[in-house]
C-alpha atoms as a PDB file:
ATOM      1  CA  MET A   1     -29.271  -1.566  13.487  1.00  0.00           C
ATOM      2  CA  GLU A   2     -27.516  -4.924  13.170  1.00  0.00           C
ATOM      3  CA  MET A   3     -27.883  -4.686   9.393  1.00  0.00           C
ATOM      4  CA  ILE A   4     -25.983  -1.396   9.269  1.00  0.00           C
ATOM      5  CA  ILE A   5     -23.171  -2.864  11.415  1.00  0.00           C
ATOM      6  CA  GLU A   6     -22.911  -5.855   9.070  1.00  0.00           C
ATOM      7  CA  ILE A   7     -22.736  -3.542   6.032  1.00  0.00           C
ATOM      8  CA  VAL A   8     -20.003  -1.438   7.705  1.00  0.00           C
ATOM      9  CA  GLN A   9     -18.032  -4.608   8.535  1.00  0.00           C
ATOM     10  CA  GLY A  10     -18.349  -5.834   4.980  1.00  0.00           C
ATOM     11  CA  VAL A  11     -17.189  -2.575   3.513  1.00  0.00           C
ATOM     12  CA  GLY A  12     -14.320  -2.540   6.054  1.00  0.00           C
ATOM     13  CA  GLY A  13     -13.358  -6.062   5.071  1.00  0.00           C
ATOM     14  CA  ILE A  14     -13.211  -5.027   1.413  1.00  0.00           C
ATOM     15  CA  LEU A  15     -11.149  -1.993   2.382  1.00  0.00           C
ATOM     16  CA  ILE A  16      -8.699  -4.225   4.278  1.00  0.00           C
ATOM     17  CA  SER A  17      -8.443  -6.539   1.295  1.00  0.00           C
ATOM     18  CA  LEU A  18      -7.699  -3.687  -1.105  1.00  0.00           C
ATOM     19  CA  ILE A  19      -4.982  -2.409   1.248  1.00  0.00           C
ATOM     20  CA  SER A  20      -3.465  -5.885   1.334  1.00  0.00           C
ATOM     21  CA  ILE A  21      -3.479  -6.008  -2.479  1.00  0.00           C
ATOM     22  CA  TYR A  22      -1.751  -2.617  -2.662  1.00  0.00           C
ATOM     23  CA  ILE A  23       0.864  -3.921  -0.142  1.00  0.00           C
ATOM     24  CA  TRP A  24       1.675  -6.778  -2.591  1.00  0.00           C
ATOM     25  CA  ILE A  25       1.795  -4.307  -5.473  1.00  0.00           C
ATOM     26  CA  LEU A  26       4.338  -2.286  -3.426  1.00  0.00           C
ATOM     27  CA  ILE A  27       6.396  -5.427  -2.814  1.00  0.00           C
ATOM     28  CA  VAL A  28       6.411  -6.438  -6.493  1.00  0.00           C
ATOM     29  CA  THR A  29       7.387  -2.923  -7.559  1.00  0.00           C
ATOM     30  CA  ALA A  30      10.219  -2.826  -5.092  1.00  0.00           C
ATOM     31  CA  LEU A  31      11.544  -6.186  -6.219  1.00  0.00           C
ATOM     32  CA  LEU A  32      11.288  -5.094  -9.873  1.00  0.00           C
ATOM     33  CA  SER A  33      13.454  -2.153  -9.163  1.00  0.00           C
ATOM     34  CA  PHE A  34      16.363  -4.460  -8.430  1.00  0.00           C
ATOM     35  CA  VAL A  35      16.284  -6.083 -11.938  1.00  0.00           C
ATOM     36  CA  ASN A  36      15.688  -2.981 -14.062  1.00  0.00           C
ATOM     37  CA  PRO A  37      12.764  -4.204 -16.194  1.00  0.00           C
ATOM     38  CA  ASP A  38      11.832  -2.744 -19.581  1.00  0.00           C
ATOM     39  CA  PRO A  39      10.237   0.614 -18.823  1.00  0.00           C
ATOM     40  CA  TYR A  40       7.994   0.252 -21.913  1.00  0.00           C
ATOM     41  CA  ASN A  41       6.371  -2.895 -20.617  1.00  0.00           C
ATOM     42  CA  PRO A  42       2.634  -2.155 -19.945  1.00  0.00           C
ATOM     43  CA  ILE A  43       2.679  -4.056 -16.665  1.00  0.00           C
ATOM     44  CA  VAL A  44       5.745  -2.124 -15.368  1.00  0.00           C
ATOM     45  CA  GLN A  45       4.171   1.158 -16.498  1.00  0.00           C
ATOM     46  CA  PHE A  46       0.975   0.242 -14.652  1.00  0.00           C
ATOM     47  CA  LEU A  47       2.851  -0.634 -11.470  1.00  0.00           C
ATOM     48  CA  HIS A  48       4.789   2.590 -11.538  1.00  0.00           C
ATOM     49  CA  ARG A  49       1.607   4.590 -12.323  1.00  0.00           C
ATOM     50  CA  ILE A  50      -0.089   3.369  -9.187  1.00  0.00           C
ATOM     51  CA  THR A  51       2.831   3.499  -6.808  1.00  0.00           C
ATOM     52  CA  ASN A  52       4.785   6.639  -7.853  1.00  0.00           C
ATOM     53  CA  PRO A  53       2.059   9.222  -6.662  1.00  0.00           C
ATOM     54  CA  VAL A  54       2.155   7.674  -3.206  1.00  0.00           C
ATOM     55  CA  TYR A  55       5.966   7.678  -3.146  1.00  0.00           C
ATOM     56  CA  VAL A  56       5.996  11.394  -4.218  1.00  0.00           C
ATOM     57  CA  PHE A  57       3.466  12.233  -1.451  1.00  0.00           C
ATOM     58  CA  LEU A  58       5.521  10.351   1.147  1.00  0.00           C
ATOM     59  CA  ARG A  59       8.838  11.912   0.037  1.00  0.00           C
ATOM     60  CA  ARG A  60       7.286  15.391   0.426  1.00  0.00           C
ATOM     61  CA  PHE A  61       7.088  14.856   4.200  1.00  0.00           C
ATOM     62  CA  ILE A  62       9.734  12.216   5.036  1.00  0.00           C
ATOM     63  CA  ARG A  63      13.309  11.781   3.753  1.00  0.00           C
ATOM     64  CA  THR A  64      13.299   8.207   2.427  1.00  0.00           C
ATOM     65  CA  ASP A  65      16.771   8.009   0.788  1.00  0.00           C
ATOM     66  CA  PHE A  66      19.323   6.552   3.196  1.00  0.00           C
ATOM     67  CA  ASN A  67      22.756   5.555   1.822  1.00  0.00           C
ATOM     68  CA  ASN A  68      21.406   5.316  -1.730  1.00  0.00           C
ATOM     69  CA  LEU A  69      18.651   2.946  -0.613  1.00  0.00           C
ATOM     70  CA  ASP A  70      15.092   4.129  -1.067  1.00  0.00           C
ATOM     71  CA  LEU A  71      13.043   3.074   2.000  1.00  0.00           C
ATOM     72  CA  ALA A  72       9.751   4.552   0.775  1.00  0.00           C
ATOM     73  CA  PRO A  73       8.208   1.104   0.014  1.00  0.00           C
ATOM     74  CA  LEU A  74       9.212  -0.205   3.456  1.00  0.00           C
ATOM     75  CA  ILE A  75       7.744   2.915   5.211  1.00  0.00           C
ATOM     76  CA  LEU A  76       4.502   2.615   3.205  1.00  0.00           C
ATOM     77  CA  ILE A  77       4.159  -1.109   3.892  1.00  0.00           C
ATOM     78  CA  ILE A  78       4.630  -0.604   7.663  1.00  0.00           C
ATOM     79  CA  GLY A  79       2.164   2.278   7.646  1.00  0.00           C
ATOM     80  CA  LEU A  80      -0.420   0.312   5.673  1.00  0.00           C
ATOM     81  CA  GLN A  81       0.009  -2.682   7.994  1.00  0.00           C
ATOM     82  CA  VAL A  82      -0.665  -0.408  10.978  1.00  0.00           C
ATOM     83  CA  LEU A  83      -3.775   0.849   9.241  1.00  0.00           C
ATOM     84  CA  ILE A  84      -5.006  -2.719   8.642  1.00  0.00           C
ATOM     85  CA  VAL A  85      -4.554  -3.536  12.380  1.00  0.00           C
ATOM     86  CA  ILE A  86      -6.426  -0.417  13.389  1.00  0.00           C
ATOM     87  CA  LEU A  87      -9.267  -1.005  10.941  1.00  0.00           C
ATOM     88  CA  GLY A  88      -9.494  -4.693  11.937  1.00  0.00           C
ATOM     89  CA  SER A  89      -9.738  -3.831  15.621  1.00  0.00           C
ATOM     90  CA  LEU A  90     -12.351  -1.157  14.954  1.00  0.00           C
ATOM     91  CA  LEU A  91     -14.452  -3.524  12.899  1.00  0.00           C
ATOM     92  CA  ARG A  92     -14.261  -6.270  15.508  1.00  0.00           C
ATOM     93  CA  SER A  93     -15.386  -3.852  18.157  1.00  0.00           C
ATOM     94  CA  LEU A  94     -18.625  -3.109  16.394  1.00  0.00           C
END
């Protein structure tokens, strides 16, 4: 039984790490939006390809545009941080 708990904790740790990496990708994409990078750059296209579907999903349920400032990255980062805290506490309680 302890082996299963260790496997679940390991997979949970990997999931938390992936969520943290995605948070950094959201931050980089939000910062890039201030400097208007070349839209044909492959890195910029990759960043937009992995963040835009989540933004579209979020905008379907929540209004994220306030005074011409898009708060979708901030809302997502806060939500993902809450998810990390919940997952971390669940994994520690095993």
